[in-house]
């Protein structure tokens, strides 16, 4: 049901203050131009990250700083938002991520430290559920997805089912909650994420030479790009995707992303452009005086900020040229 947006007045005021502390492009330029990861961290230490950076005993352990900052951002928004359940739905993808890690460790023997301790589900309880095939304590839709994965893997031994089943239930829930709460803006973000995910999946599958039946399993429903229209491109040259989507909202993004994929064989440009597309969409709600939109925008801005910090530091650790790092940096929200 639609809600009187004035209930967000206090939260939006807090967001305005928090936005002033986001890292701007010039700060990232200084980090990129620094001579090493240690020097890049010194630039970061001039910001709100200073306390956490000063406690690092080894710069290679920077992930702990980023995770803590992201968790603090979500915790803050949950406290100030008059409808915290809307913030919590944005956390669902971290629960889904952690379930993916657990299932892959269980079925594929892949030991991983890739857990993100930001989800609403306790990691120890989640690990117990996966280990014991006991999903009674999970939310209903996640429980059904987990049970389906267990059954599917016993029959088919297909590790791809883990991602396919969990991604589908994730976006089904995101869209449902947005509609239940009458948030066209939030629904618009999720639909765009589905479209962009489907486009990247289509290109990867074309490059891998997989068949039409597989792509039908992979593509997520509820996007604006019809699945039949996307699968029709599977047997055509990759360049044909550009012309078939010429009149869509994603025309420029696809043209540039596909061109680089063809030239360099990498999806990094398309992934950057996809993130930038969502940033541009969320900026439409940035200056709304009331409403949920500025809160969503800020959380996305924080996630992009953390992604950019990671890109710079990993690039520096691997001694990538400054220009190669710069090409991967996402547009900032401020």
C-alpha atoms as a PDB file:
ATOM      1  CA  UNK A   1       0.000   0.000   0.000  1.00  0.00           C
ATOM      2  CA  UNK A   2       1.266   3.527  -0.784  1.00  0.00           C
ATOM      3  CA  UNK A   3       2.499   5.424   2.278  1.00  0.00           C
ATOM      4  CA  UNK A   4       2.615   9.132   3.099  1.00  0.00           C
ATOM      5  CA  UNK A   5       6.169  10.008   2.075  1.00  0.00           C
ATOM      6  CA  UNK A   6       6.526  12.673   4.777  1.00  0.00           C
ATOM      7  CA  UNK A   7       7.229   9.913   7.318  1.00  0.00           C
ATOM      8  CA  UNK A   8      10.703   9.779   5.718  1.00  0.00           C
ATOM      9  CA  UNK A   9      11.514  13.428   6.490  1.00  0.00           C
ATOM     10  CA  UNK A  10      13.909  12.675   9.372  1.00  0.00           C
ATOM     11  CA  UNK A  11      15.594   9.792   7.525  1.00  0.00           C
ATOM     12  CA  UNK A  12      16.109  11.911   4.392  1.00  0.00           C
ATOM     13  CA  UNK A  13      17.674  14.641   6.534  1.00  0.00           C
ATOM     14  CA  UNK A  14      20.135  12.120   7.941  1.00  0.00           C
ATOM     15  CA  UNK A  15      20.883  10.860   4.429  1.00  0.00           C
ATOM     16  CA  UNK A  16      21.770  14.379   3.292  1.00  0.00           C
ATOM     17  CA  UNK A  17      24.430  14.497   6.020  1.00  0.00           C
ATOM     18  CA  UNK A  18      25.732  11.009   5.227  1.00  0.00           C
ATOM     19  CA  UNK A  19      26.015  11.824   1.512  1.00  0.00           C
ATOM     20  CA  UNK A  20      28.558  14.552   2.268  1.00  0.00           C
ATOM     21  CA  UNK A  21      30.880  11.843   3.594  1.00  0.00           C
ATOM     22  CA  UNK A  22      30.790   9.659   0.474  1.00  0.00           C
ATOM     23  CA  UNK A  23      34.044   9.511  -1.499  1.00  0.00           C
ATOM     24  CA  UNK A  24      33.990  11.684  -4.609  1.00  0.00           C
ATOM     25  CA  UNK A  25      35.732  11.052  -7.924  1.00  0.00           C
ATOM     26  CA  UNK A  26      38.761  13.171  -7.015  1.00  0.00           C
ATOM     27  CA  UNK A  27      39.465  10.964  -4.009  1.00  0.00           C
ATOM     28  CA  UNK A  28      39.409   7.872  -6.193  1.00  0.00           C
ATOM     29  CA  UNK A  29      41.689   9.593  -8.697  1.00  0.00           C
ATOM     30  CA  UNK A  30      44.235  10.171  -5.929  1.00  0.00           C
ATOM     31  CA  UNK A  31      44.018   6.526  -4.898  1.00  0.00           C
ATOM     32  CA  UNK A  32      44.426   5.378  -8.502  1.00  0.00           C
ATOM     33  CA  UNK A  33      47.459   7.642  -9.025  1.00  0.00           C
ATOM     34  CA  UNK A  34      49.153   6.483  -5.816  1.00  0.00           C
ATOM     35  CA  UNK A  35      52.264   4.345  -6.202  1.00  0.00           C
ATOM     36  CA  UNK A  36      51.123   1.306  -4.206  1.00  0.00           C
ATOM     37  CA  UNK A  37      48.261  -0.267  -2.271  1.00  0.00           C
ATOM     38  CA  UNK A  38      49.778   1.062   0.946  1.00  0.00           C
ATOM     39  CA  UNK A  39      49.771   4.602  -0.426  1.00  0.00           C
ATOM     40  CA  UNK A  40      46.199   4.183  -1.690  1.00  0.00           C
ATOM     41  CA  UNK A  41      45.177   3.180   1.825  1.00  0.00           C
ATOM     42  CA  UNK A  42      46.842   6.336   3.149  1.00  0.00           C
ATOM     43  CA  UNK A  43      44.531   8.370   0.923  1.00  0.00           C
ATOM     44  CA  UNK A  44      41.582   6.351   2.233  1.00  0.00           C
ATOM     45  CA  UNK A  45      42.761   7.030   5.787  1.00  0.00           C
ATOM     46  CA  UNK A  46      42.017  10.726   5.234  1.00  0.00           C
ATOM     47  CA  UNK A  47      38.281   9.879   5.128  1.00  0.00           C
ATOM     48  CA  UNK A  48      35.726   8.307   7.457  1.00  0.00           C
ATOM     49  CA  UNK A  49      37.576   5.024   6.950  1.00  0.00           C
ATOM     50  CA  UNK A  50      40.532   6.368   8.950  1.00  0.00           C
ATOM     51  CA  UNK A  51      39.848   4.508  12.207  1.00  0.00           C
ATOM     52  CA  UNK A  52      39.414   1.122  10.559  1.00  0.00           C
ATOM     53  CA  UNK A  53      42.412   1.620   8.254  1.00  0.00           C
ATOM     54  CA  UNK A  54      44.652   2.549  11.192  1.00  0.00           C
ATOM     55  CA  UNK A  55      43.849  -0.790  12.843  1.00  0.00           C
ATOM     56  CA  UNK A  56      44.934  -2.859   9.820  1.00  0.00           C
ATOM     57  CA  UNK A  57      48.058  -4.862  10.595  1.00  0.00           C
ATOM     58  CA  UNK A  58      48.376  -5.984   6.953  1.00  0.00           C
ATOM     59  CA  UNK A  59      47.024  -4.021   3.995  1.00  0.00           C
ATOM     60  CA  UNK A  60      46.060  -7.310   2.320  1.00  0.00           C
ATOM     61  CA  UNK A  61      43.306  -7.642   4.950  1.00  0.00           C
ATOM     62  CA  UNK A  62      41.433  -4.570   3.706  1.00  0.00           C
ATOM     63  CA  UNK A  63      38.245  -6.596   3.111  1.00  0.00           C
ATOM     64  CA  UNK A  64      37.496  -6.510   6.834  1.00  0.00           C
ATOM     65  CA  UNK A  65      37.379  -2.705   6.657  1.00  0.00           C
ATOM     66  CA  UNK A  66      35.002  -2.727   3.681  1.00  0.00           C
ATOM     67  CA  UNK A  67      32.679  -5.339   5.170  1.00  0.00           C
ATOM     68  CA  UNK A  68      32.461  -3.479   8.464  1.00  0.00           C
ATOM     69  CA  UNK A  69      31.678  -0.206   6.688  1.00  0.00           C
ATOM     70  CA  UNK A  70      28.944  -1.780   4.568  1.00  0.00           C
ATOM     71  CA  UNK A  71      27.368  -3.485   7.580  1.00  0.00           C
ATOM     72  CA  UNK A  72      27.417  -0.215   9.509  1.00  0.00           C
ATOM     73  CA  UNK A  73      25.658   1.524   6.608  1.00  0.00           C
ATOM     74  CA  UNK A  74      22.846  -1.027   6.519  1.00  0.00           C
ATOM     75  CA  UNK A  75      22.511  -0.985  10.317  1.00  0.00           C
ATOM     76  CA  UNK A  76      22.262   2.815  10.267  1.00  0.00           C
ATOM     77  CA  UNK A  77      19.574   2.820   7.585  1.00  0.00           C
ATOM     78  CA  UNK A  78      17.556   0.181   9.447  1.00  0.00           C
ATOM     79  CA  UNK A  79      17.639   2.395  12.557  1.00  0.00           C
ATOM     80  CA  UNK A  80      16.546   5.602  10.850  1.00  0.00           C
ATOM     81  CA  UNK A  81      14.097   4.242   8.275  1.00  0.00           C
ATOM     82  CA  UNK A  82      10.437   4.410   9.415  1.00  0.00           C
ATOM     83  CA  UNK A  83       9.830   1.214   7.443  1.00  0.00           C
ATOM     84  CA  UNK A  84      12.938  -0.880   8.180  1.00  0.00           C
ATOM     85  CA  UNK A  85      11.441  -3.901   6.416  1.00  0.00           C
ATOM     86  CA  UNK A  86      12.181  -2.161   3.119  1.00  0.00           C
ATOM     87  CA  UNK A  87      15.861  -1.876   4.027  1.00  0.00           C
ATOM     88  CA  UNK A  88      15.905  -5.496   5.148  1.00  0.00           C
ATOM     89  CA  UNK A  89      14.658  -6.694   1.753  1.00  0.00           C
ATOM     90  CA  UNK A  90      17.778  -5.114   0.247  1.00  0.00           C
ATOM     91  CA  UNK A  91      19.834  -7.305   2.580  1.00  0.00           C
ATOM     92  CA  UNK A  92      18.226 -10.482   1.208  1.00  0.00           C
ATOM     93  CA  UNK A  93      20.791 -10.802  -1.581  1.00  0.00           C
ATOM     94  CA  UNK A  94      23.542 -11.194   1.029  1.00  0.00           C
ATOM     95  CA  UNK A  95      21.644 -14.093   2.632  1.00  0.00           C
ATOM     96  CA  UNK A  96      21.300 -15.608  -0.843  1.00  0.00           C
ATOM     97  CA  UNK A  97      25.019 -15.075  -1.483  1.00  0.00           C
ATOM     98  CA  UNK A  98      25.920 -16.832   1.781  1.00  0.00           C
ATOM     99  CA  UNK A  99      23.628 -19.756   0.941  1.00  0.00           C
ATOM    100  CA  UNK A 100      25.357 -20.100  -2.434  1.00  0.00           C
ATOM    101  CA  UNK A 101      28.747 -20.229  -0.716  1.00  0.00           C
ATOM    102  CA  UNK A 102      27.527 -22.883   1.734  1.00  0.00           C
ATOM    103  CA  UNK A 103      25.965 -25.091  -0.940  1.00  0.00           C
ATOM    104  CA  UNK A 104      29.046 -24.911  -3.143  1.00  0.00           C
ATOM    105  CA  UNK A 105      31.234 -25.834  -0.182  1.00  0.00           C
ATOM    106  CA  UNK A 106      28.961 -28.767   0.611  1.00  0.00           C
ATOM    107  CA  UNK A 107      28.395 -30.195  -2.856  1.00  0.00           C
ATOM    108  CA  UNK A 108      31.577 -29.193  -4.654  1.00  0.00           C
ATOM    109  CA  UNK A 109      34.055 -29.337  -1.784  1.00  0.00           C
ATOM    110  CA  UNK A 110      34.982 -25.690  -2.340  1.00  0.00           C
ATOM    111  CA  UNK A 111      36.131 -24.217   0.944  1.00  0.00           C
ATOM    112  CA  UNK A 112      35.511 -20.516   0.883  1.00  0.00           C
ATOM    113  CA  UNK A 113      35.966 -17.431   3.042  1.00  0.00           C
ATOM    114  CA  UNK A 114      33.641 -15.451   0.799  1.00  0.00           C
ATOM    115  CA  UNK A 115      30.862 -15.097   3.365  1.00  0.00           C
ATOM    116  CA  UNK A 116      29.453 -11.593   3.733  1.00  0.00           C
ATOM    117  CA  UNK A 117      28.280 -11.134   7.353  1.00  0.00           C
ATOM    118  CA  UNK A 118      25.635  -8.575   6.458  1.00  0.00           C
ATOM    119  CA  UNK A 119      22.610 -10.769   5.851  1.00  0.00           C
ATOM    120  CA  UNK A 120      19.676 -10.994   8.235  1.00  0.00           C
ATOM    121  CA  UNK A 121      20.229 -14.737   8.791  1.00  0.00           C
ATOM    122  CA  UNK A 122      22.774 -15.860  11.360  1.00  0.00           C
ATOM    123  CA  UNK A 123      25.733 -17.438   9.549  1.00  0.00           C
ATOM    124  CA  UNK A 124      26.239 -20.225  12.089  1.00  0.00           C
ATOM    125  CA  UNK A 125      22.588 -21.247  11.890  1.00  0.00           C
ATOM    126  CA  UNK A 126      22.708 -20.996   8.118  1.00  0.00           C
ATOM    127  CA  UNK A 127      25.779 -23.244   8.030  1.00  0.00           C
ATOM    128  CA  UNK A 128      24.040 -25.771  10.275  1.00  0.00           C
ATOM    129  CA  UNK A 129      20.972 -25.780   8.025  1.00  0.00           C
ATOM    130  CA  UNK A 130      23.059 -26.493   4.927  1.00  0.00           C
ATOM    131  CA  UNK A 131      25.205 -29.144   6.627  1.00  0.00           C
ATOM    132  CA  UNK A 132      22.237 -31.032   8.096  1.00  0.00           C
ATOM    133  CA  UNK A 133      19.721 -30.466   5.283  1.00  0.00           C
ATOM    134  CA  UNK A 134      17.470 -28.922   7.916  1.00  0.00           C
ATOM    135  CA  UNK A 135      15.896 -25.751   6.555  1.00  0.00           C
ATOM    136  CA  UNK A 136      12.971 -25.370   8.955  1.00  0.00           C
ATOM    137  CA  UNK A 137      14.250 -22.084  10.369  1.00  0.00           C
ATOM    138  CA  UNK A 138      14.683 -20.368   6.993  1.00  0.00           C
ATOM    139  CA  UNK A 139      12.055 -17.979   5.616  1.00  0.00           C
ATOM    140  CA  UNK A 140       9.473 -19.938   3.613  1.00  0.00           C
ATOM    141  CA  UNK A 141      10.667 -19.112   0.083  1.00  0.00           C
ATOM    142  CA  UNK A 142      14.338 -19.599   0.920  1.00  0.00           C
ATOM    143  CA  UNK A 143      13.475 -22.882   2.641  1.00  0.00           C
ATOM    144  CA  UNK A 144      11.716 -24.137  -0.483  1.00  0.00           C
ATOM    145  CA  UNK A 145      14.625 -23.034  -2.662  1.00  0.00           C
ATOM    146  CA  UNK A 146      17.146 -24.768  -0.393  1.00  0.00           C
ATOM    147  CA  UNK A 147      15.106 -27.979  -0.384  1.00  0.00           C
ATOM    148  CA  UNK A 148      14.830 -27.830  -4.178  1.00  0.00           C
ATOM    149  CA  UNK A 149      18.618 -27.443  -4.497  1.00  0.00           C
ATOM    150  CA  UNK A 150      19.209 -30.467  -2.263  1.00  0.00           C
ATOM    151  CA  UNK A 151      16.768 -32.582  -4.270  1.00  0.00           C
ATOM    152  CA  UNK A 152      18.067 -31.367  -7.639  1.00  0.00           C
ATOM    153  CA  UNK A 153      21.711 -32.013  -6.772  1.00  0.00           C
ATOM    154  CA  UNK A 154      20.997 -35.564  -5.640  1.00  0.00           C
ATOM    155  CA  UNK A 155      19.374 -36.299  -9.014  1.00  0.00           C
ATOM    156  CA  UNK A 156      21.374 -34.228 -11.483  1.00  0.00           C
ATOM    157  CA  UNK A 157      24.665 -33.331  -9.761  1.00  0.00           C
ATOM    158  CA  UNK A 158      24.507 -29.980 -11.548  1.00  0.00           C
ATOM    159  CA  UNK A 159      26.237 -27.210  -9.533  1.00  0.00           C
ATOM    160  CA  UNK A 160      24.709 -24.532 -11.770  1.00  0.00           C
ATOM    161  CA  UNK A 161      21.340 -25.268 -10.167  1.00  0.00           C
ATOM    162  CA  UNK A 162      22.560 -23.573  -6.986  1.00  0.00           C
ATOM    163  CA  UNK A 163      22.852 -20.156  -8.621  1.00  0.00           C
ATOM    164  CA  UNK A 164      19.838 -20.601 -10.889  1.00  0.00           C
ATOM    165  CA  UNK A 165      17.376 -21.552  -8.160  1.00  0.00           C
ATOM    166  CA  UNK A 166      18.553 -18.980  -5.618  1.00  0.00           C
ATOM    167  CA  UNK A 167      18.744 -16.089  -8.104  1.00  0.00           C
ATOM    168  CA  UNK A 168      15.198 -16.800  -9.221  1.00  0.00           C
ATOM    169  CA  UNK A 169      13.757 -16.839  -5.711  1.00  0.00           C
ATOM    170  CA  UNK A 170      15.742 -13.710  -4.815  1.00  0.00           C
ATOM    171  CA  UNK A 171      14.246 -11.580  -7.572  1.00  0.00           C
ATOM    172  CA  UNK A 172      10.777 -13.050  -7.114  1.00  0.00           C
ATOM    173  CA  UNK A 173      10.860 -11.836  -3.512  1.00  0.00           C
ATOM    174  CA  UNK A 174      12.361  -8.445  -4.346  1.00  0.00           C
ATOM    175  CA  UNK A 175       9.697  -7.706  -6.963  1.00  0.00           C
ATOM    176  CA  UNK A 176       6.911  -8.999  -4.701  1.00  0.00           C
ATOM    177  CA  UNK A 177       7.936  -6.812  -1.754  1.00  0.00           C
ATOM    178  CA  UNK A 178       8.273  -3.724  -3.953  1.00  0.00           C
ATOM    179  CA  UNK A 179       4.756  -4.272  -5.329  1.00  0.00           C
ATOM    180  CA  UNK A 180       3.250  -5.066  -1.937  1.00  0.00           C
ATOM    181  CA  UNK A 181       4.610  -1.773  -0.624  1.00  0.00           C
ATOM    182  CA  UNK A 182       3.535   0.243  -3.633  1.00  0.00           C
ATOM    183  CA  UNK A 183       7.109   1.301  -4.450  1.00  0.00           C
ATOM    184  CA  UNK A 184       7.302   1.740  -8.223  1.00  0.00           C
ATOM    185  CA  UNK A 185      10.784   3.209  -7.798  1.00  0.00           C
ATOM    186  CA  UNK A 186      12.109   0.139  -5.980  1.00  0.00           C
ATOM    187  CA  UNK A 187      10.382  -2.170  -8.439  1.00  0.00           C
ATOM    188  CA  UNK A 188      11.956  -0.196 -11.284  1.00  0.00           C
ATOM    189  CA  UNK A 189      15.425  -0.774  -9.854  1.00  0.00           C
ATOM    190  CA  UNK A 190      14.862  -4.520  -9.489  1.00  0.00           C
ATOM    191  CA  UNK A 191      13.413  -4.838 -13.003  1.00  0.00           C
ATOM    192  CA  UNK A 192      16.425  -3.031 -14.465  1.00  0.00           C
ATOM    193  CA  UNK A 193      18.753  -5.333 -12.521  1.00  0.00           C
ATOM    194  CA  UNK A 194      16.900  -8.335 -13.967  1.00  0.00           C
ATOM    195  CA  UNK A 195      17.191  -6.970 -17.508  1.00  0.00           C
ATOM    196  CA  UNK A 196      20.912  -6.286 -17.120  1.00  0.00           C
ATOM    197  CA  UNK A 197      21.535  -9.686 -15.536  1.00  0.00           C
ATOM    198  CA  UNK A 198      19.688 -11.383 -18.409  1.00  0.00           C
ATOM    199  CA  UNK A 199      21.681  -9.463 -21.018  1.00  0.00           C
ATOM    200  CA  UNK A 200      24.992 -10.456 -19.438  1.00  0.00           C
ATOM    201  CA  UNK A 201      23.821 -14.064 -19.111  1.00  0.00           C
ATOM    202  CA  UNK A 202      22.785 -14.171 -22.760  1.00  0.00           C
ATOM    203  CA  UNK A 203      26.187 -12.940 -23.936  1.00  0.00           C
ATOM    204  CA  UNK A 204      28.075 -15.374 -21.706  1.00  0.00           C
ATOM    205  CA  UNK A 205      25.979 -18.293 -22.921  1.00  0.00           C
ATOM    206  CA  UNK A 206      26.495 -17.295 -26.560  1.00  0.00           C
ATOM    207  CA  UNK A 207      30.242 -17.127 -25.960  1.00  0.00           C
ATOM    208  CA  UNK A 208      30.197 -20.556 -24.286  1.00  0.00           C
ATOM    209  CA  UNK A 209      28.146 -22.128 -27.087  1.00  0.00           C
ATOM    210  CA  UNK A 210      25.434 -23.483 -24.786  1.00  0.00           C
ATOM    211  CA  UNK A 211      21.989 -24.400 -26.114  1.00  0.00           C
ATOM    212  CA  UNK A 212      18.563 -22.761 -26.060  1.00  0.00           C
ATOM    213  CA  UNK A 213      17.189 -25.014 -23.309  1.00  0.00           C
ATOM    214  CA  UNK A 214      19.935 -23.947 -20.951  1.00  0.00           C
ATOM    215  CA  UNK A 215      19.369 -20.248 -21.513  1.00  0.00           C
ATOM    216  CA  UNK A 216      15.672 -20.633 -20.742  1.00  0.00           C
ATOM    217  CA  UNK A 217      16.666 -21.950 -17.314  1.00  0.00           C
ATOM    218  CA  UNK A 218      19.079 -19.084 -16.730  1.00  0.00           C
ATOM    219  CA  UNK A 219      17.055 -16.051 -17.796  1.00  0.00           C
ATOM    220  CA  UNK A 220      15.076 -14.427 -15.011  1.00  0.00           C
ATOM    221  CA  UNK A 221      11.388 -13.608 -15.525  1.00  0.00           C
ATOM    222  CA  UNK A 222       9.750 -10.237 -14.801  1.00  0.00           C
ATOM    223  CA  UNK A 223      12.175  -8.091 -16.781  1.00  0.00           C
ATOM    224  CA  UNK A 224      11.065  -5.705 -19.520  1.00  0.00           C
ATOM    225  CA  UNK A 225      12.998  -7.555 -22.229  1.00  0.00           C
ATOM    226  CA  UNK A 226      10.895 -10.572 -23.309  1.00  0.00           C
ATOM    227  CA  UNK A 227      12.710 -13.868 -22.843  1.00  0.00           C
ATOM    228  CA  UNK A 228      11.623 -15.044 -26.315  1.00  0.00           C
ATOM    229  CA  UNK A 229      13.193 -11.922 -27.805  1.00  0.00           C
ATOM    230  CA  UNK A 230      16.457 -12.594 -25.995  1.00  0.00           C
ATOM    231  CA  UNK A 231      16.630 -16.293 -26.866  1.00  0.00           C
ATOM    232  CA  UNK A 232      15.996 -15.440 -30.531  1.00  0.00           C
ATOM    233  CA  UNK A 233      19.500 -13.932 -30.565  1.00  0.00           C
ATOM    234  CA  UNK A 234      21.183 -17.102 -29.358  1.00  0.00           C
ATOM    235  CA  UNK A 235      21.965 -18.492 -32.813  1.00  0.00           C
ATOM    236  CA  UNK A 236      22.864 -15.128 -34.328  1.00  0.00           C
ATOM    237  CA  UNK A 237      26.268 -13.385 -34.284  1.00  0.00           C
ATOM    238  CA  UNK A 238      26.893 -11.397 -31.122  1.00  0.00           C
ATOM    239  CA  UNK A 239      26.762  -8.176 -33.128  1.00  0.00           C
ATOM    240  CA  UNK A 240      23.108  -8.866 -33.940  1.00  0.00           C
ATOM    241  CA  UNK A 241      22.231  -8.322 -30.297  1.00  0.00           C
ATOM    242  CA  UNK A 242      23.158  -4.654 -30.706  1.00  0.00           C
ATOM    243  CA  UNK A 243      20.771  -4.114 -33.614  1.00  0.00           C
ATOM    244  CA  UNK A 244      17.936  -6.116 -32.037  1.00  0.00           C
ATOM    245  CA  UNK A 245      18.033  -3.918 -28.931  1.00  0.00           C
ATOM    246  CA  UNK A 246      18.604  -0.641 -30.770  1.00  0.00           C
ATOM    247  CA  UNK A 247      15.230   0.756 -29.695  1.00  0.00           C
ATOM    248  CA  UNK A 248      15.471  -0.411 -26.069  1.00  0.00           C
ATOM    249  CA  UNK A 249      16.636   1.595 -23.050  1.00  0.00           C
ATOM    250  CA  UNK A 250      19.831  -0.469 -23.052  1.00  0.00           C
ATOM    251  CA  UNK A 251      20.973   0.289 -26.615  1.00  0.00           C
ATOM    252  CA  UNK A 252      24.072   2.371 -25.784  1.00  0.00           C
ATOM    253  CA  UNK A 253      25.112   0.105 -22.940  1.00  0.00           C
ATOM    254  CA  UNK A 254      24.896  -3.020 -25.084  1.00  0.00           C
ATOM    255  CA  UNK A 255      26.683  -1.463 -28.041  1.00  0.00           C
ATOM    256  CA  UNK A 256      29.676  -0.379 -25.973  1.00  0.00           C
ATOM    257  CA  UNK A 257      29.738  -3.479 -23.770  1.00  0.00           C
ATOM    258  CA  UNK A 258      29.498  -5.923 -26.688  1.00  0.00           C
ATOM    259  CA  UNK A 259      32.165  -4.063 -28.664  1.00  0.00           C
ATOM    260  CA  UNK A 260      34.651  -4.424 -25.830  1.00  0.00           C
ATOM    261  CA  UNK A 261      33.684  -8.040 -25.258  1.00  0.00           C
ATOM    262  CA  UNK A 262      34.373  -8.793 -28.913  1.00  0.00           C
ATOM    263  CA  UNK A 263      37.670  -6.875 -28.887  1.00  0.00           C
ATOM    264  CA  UNK A 264      39.069  -8.025 -25.540  1.00  0.00           C
ATOM    265  CA  UNK A 265      37.027 -11.085 -24.586  1.00  0.00           C
ATOM    266  CA  UNK A 266      36.110  -9.606 -21.216  1.00  0.00           C
ATOM    267  CA  UNK A 267      32.822  -8.637 -19.596  1.00  0.00           C
ATOM    268  CA  UNK A 268      34.361  -6.025 -17.300  1.00  0.00           C
ATOM    269  CA  UNK A 269      33.170  -3.059 -19.375  1.00  0.00           C
ATOM    270  CA  UNK A 270      29.616  -4.376 -19.599  1.00  0.00           C
ATOM    271  CA  UNK A 271      29.554  -4.986 -15.846  1.00  0.00           C
ATOM    272  CA  UNK A 272      30.759  -1.434 -15.170  1.00  0.00           C
ATOM    273  CA  UNK A 273      28.185   0.034 -17.546  1.00  0.00           C
ATOM    274  CA  UNK A 274      25.457  -2.025 -15.877  1.00  0.00           C
ATOM    275  CA  UNK A 275      26.349  -0.607 -12.465  1.00  0.00           C
ATOM    276  CA  UNK A 276      26.505   2.911 -13.927  1.00  0.00           C
ATOM    277  CA  UNK A 277      23.054   2.415 -15.455  1.00  0.00           C
ATOM    278  CA  UNK A 278      21.552   1.620 -12.045  1.00  0.00           C
ATOM    279  CA  UNK A 279      23.386   4.589 -10.494  1.00  0.00           C
ATOM    280  CA  UNK A 280      21.897   6.915 -13.115  1.00  0.00           C
ATOM    281  CA  UNK A 281      18.425   5.511 -12.434  1.00  0.00           C
ATOM    282  CA  UNK A 282      18.744   5.993  -8.668  1.00  0.00           C
ATOM    283  CA  UNK A 283      20.018   9.557  -9.066  1.00  0.00           C
ATOM    284  CA  UNK A 284      16.507  10.460 -10.262  1.00  0.00           C
ATOM    285  CA  UNK A 285      15.309  10.135  -6.677  1.00  0.00           C
ATOM    286  CA  UNK A 286      18.348  11.644  -4.998  1.00  0.00           C
ATOM    287  CA  UNK A 287      16.908  15.115  -4.345  1.00  0.00           C
ATOM    288  CA  UNK A 288      13.376  14.127  -3.455  1.00  0.00           C
ATOM    289  CA  UNK A 289      12.558  15.936  -0.181  1.00  0.00           C
ATOM    290  CA  UNK A 290      10.573  13.000   1.178  1.00  0.00           C
ATOM    291  CA  UNK A 291      10.222   9.323   0.405  1.00  0.00           C
ATOM    292  CA  UNK A 292      12.192   6.096   0.350  1.00  0.00           C
ATOM    293  CA  UNK A 293      14.128   6.925  -2.821  1.00  0.00           C
ATOM    294  CA  UNK A 294      17.063   8.851  -1.260  1.00  0.00           C
ATOM    295  CA  UNK A 295      17.625   5.992   1.203  1.00  0.00           C
ATOM    296  CA  UNK A 296      17.850   3.395  -1.580  1.00  0.00           C
ATOM    297  CA  UNK A 297      20.166   5.677  -3.529  1.00  0.00           C
ATOM    298  CA  UNK A 298      22.484   6.157  -0.572  1.00  0.00           C
ATOM    299  CA  UNK A 299      22.791   2.423   0.105  1.00  0.00           C
ATOM    300  CA  UNK A 300      23.588   1.777  -3.549  1.00  0.00           C
ATOM    301  CA  UNK A 301      26.107   4.638  -3.466  1.00  0.00           C
ATOM    302  CA  UNK A 302      27.802   3.015  -0.475  1.00  0.00           C
ATOM    303  CA  UNK A 303      27.940  -0.356  -2.191  1.00  0.00           C
ATOM    304  CA  UNK A 304      29.461   1.233  -5.298  1.00  0.00           C
ATOM    305  CA  UNK A 305      31.947   3.184  -3.167  1.00  0.00           C
ATOM    306  CA  UNK A 306      33.096  -0.038  -1.521  1.00  0.00           C
ATOM    307  CA  UNK A 307      33.283  -1.809  -4.876  1.00  0.00           C
ATOM    308  CA  UNK A 308      35.454   1.032  -6.210  1.00  0.00           C
ATOM    309  CA  UNK A 309      37.779   0.913  -3.206  1.00  0.00           C
ATOM    310  CA  UNK A 310      38.164  -2.832  -3.734  1.00  0.00           C
ATOM    311  CA  UNK A 311      38.884  -2.367  -7.450  1.00  0.00           C
ATOM    312  CA  UNK A 312      41.604   0.170  -6.707  1.00  0.00           C
ATOM    313  CA  UNK A 313      43.285  -1.835  -3.948  1.00  0.00           C
ATOM    314  CA  UNK A 314      43.181  -5.149  -5.839  1.00  0.00           C
ATOM    315  CA  UNK A 315      44.532  -3.350  -8.899  1.00  0.00           C
ATOM    316  CA  UNK A 316      47.370  -1.847  -6.887  1.00  0.00           C
ATOM    317  CA  UNK A 317      48.220  -5.150  -5.231  1.00  0.00           C
ATOM    318  CA  UNK A 318      48.374  -6.781  -8.678  1.00  0.00           C
ATOM    319  CA  UNK A 319      50.366  -3.846 -10.076  1.00  0.00           C
ATOM    320  CA  UNK A 320      47.854  -2.982 -12.784  1.00  0.00           C
ATOM    321  CA  UNK A 321      48.480   0.245 -14.706  1.00  0.00           C
ATOM    322  CA  UNK A 322      46.549   3.240 -13.406  1.00  0.00           C
ATOM    323  CA  UNK A 323      44.556   3.503 -16.625  1.00  0.00           C
ATOM    324  CA  UNK A 324      43.434  -0.123 -16.407  1.00  0.00           C
ATOM    325  CA  UNK A 325      42.102   0.530 -12.897  1.00  0.00           C
ATOM    326  CA  UNK A 326      40.502   3.802 -13.960  1.00  0.00           C
ATOM    327  CA  UNK A 327      38.545   2.036 -16.732  1.00  0.00           C
ATOM    328  CA  UNK A 328      36.928  -0.263 -14.171  1.00  0.00           C
ATOM    329  CA  UNK A 329      35.910   2.395 -11.654  1.00  0.00           C
ATOM    330  CA  UNK A 330      32.154   2.937 -11.427  1.00  0.00           C
ATOM    331  CA  UNK A 331      30.506   6.338 -11.632  1.00  0.00           C
ATOM    332  CA  UNK A 332      30.033   7.843  -8.189  1.00  0.00           C
ATOM    333  CA  UNK A 333      26.631   8.861  -6.873  1.00  0.00           C
ATOM    334  CA  UNK A 334      27.595  12.338  -5.652  1.00  0.00           C
END
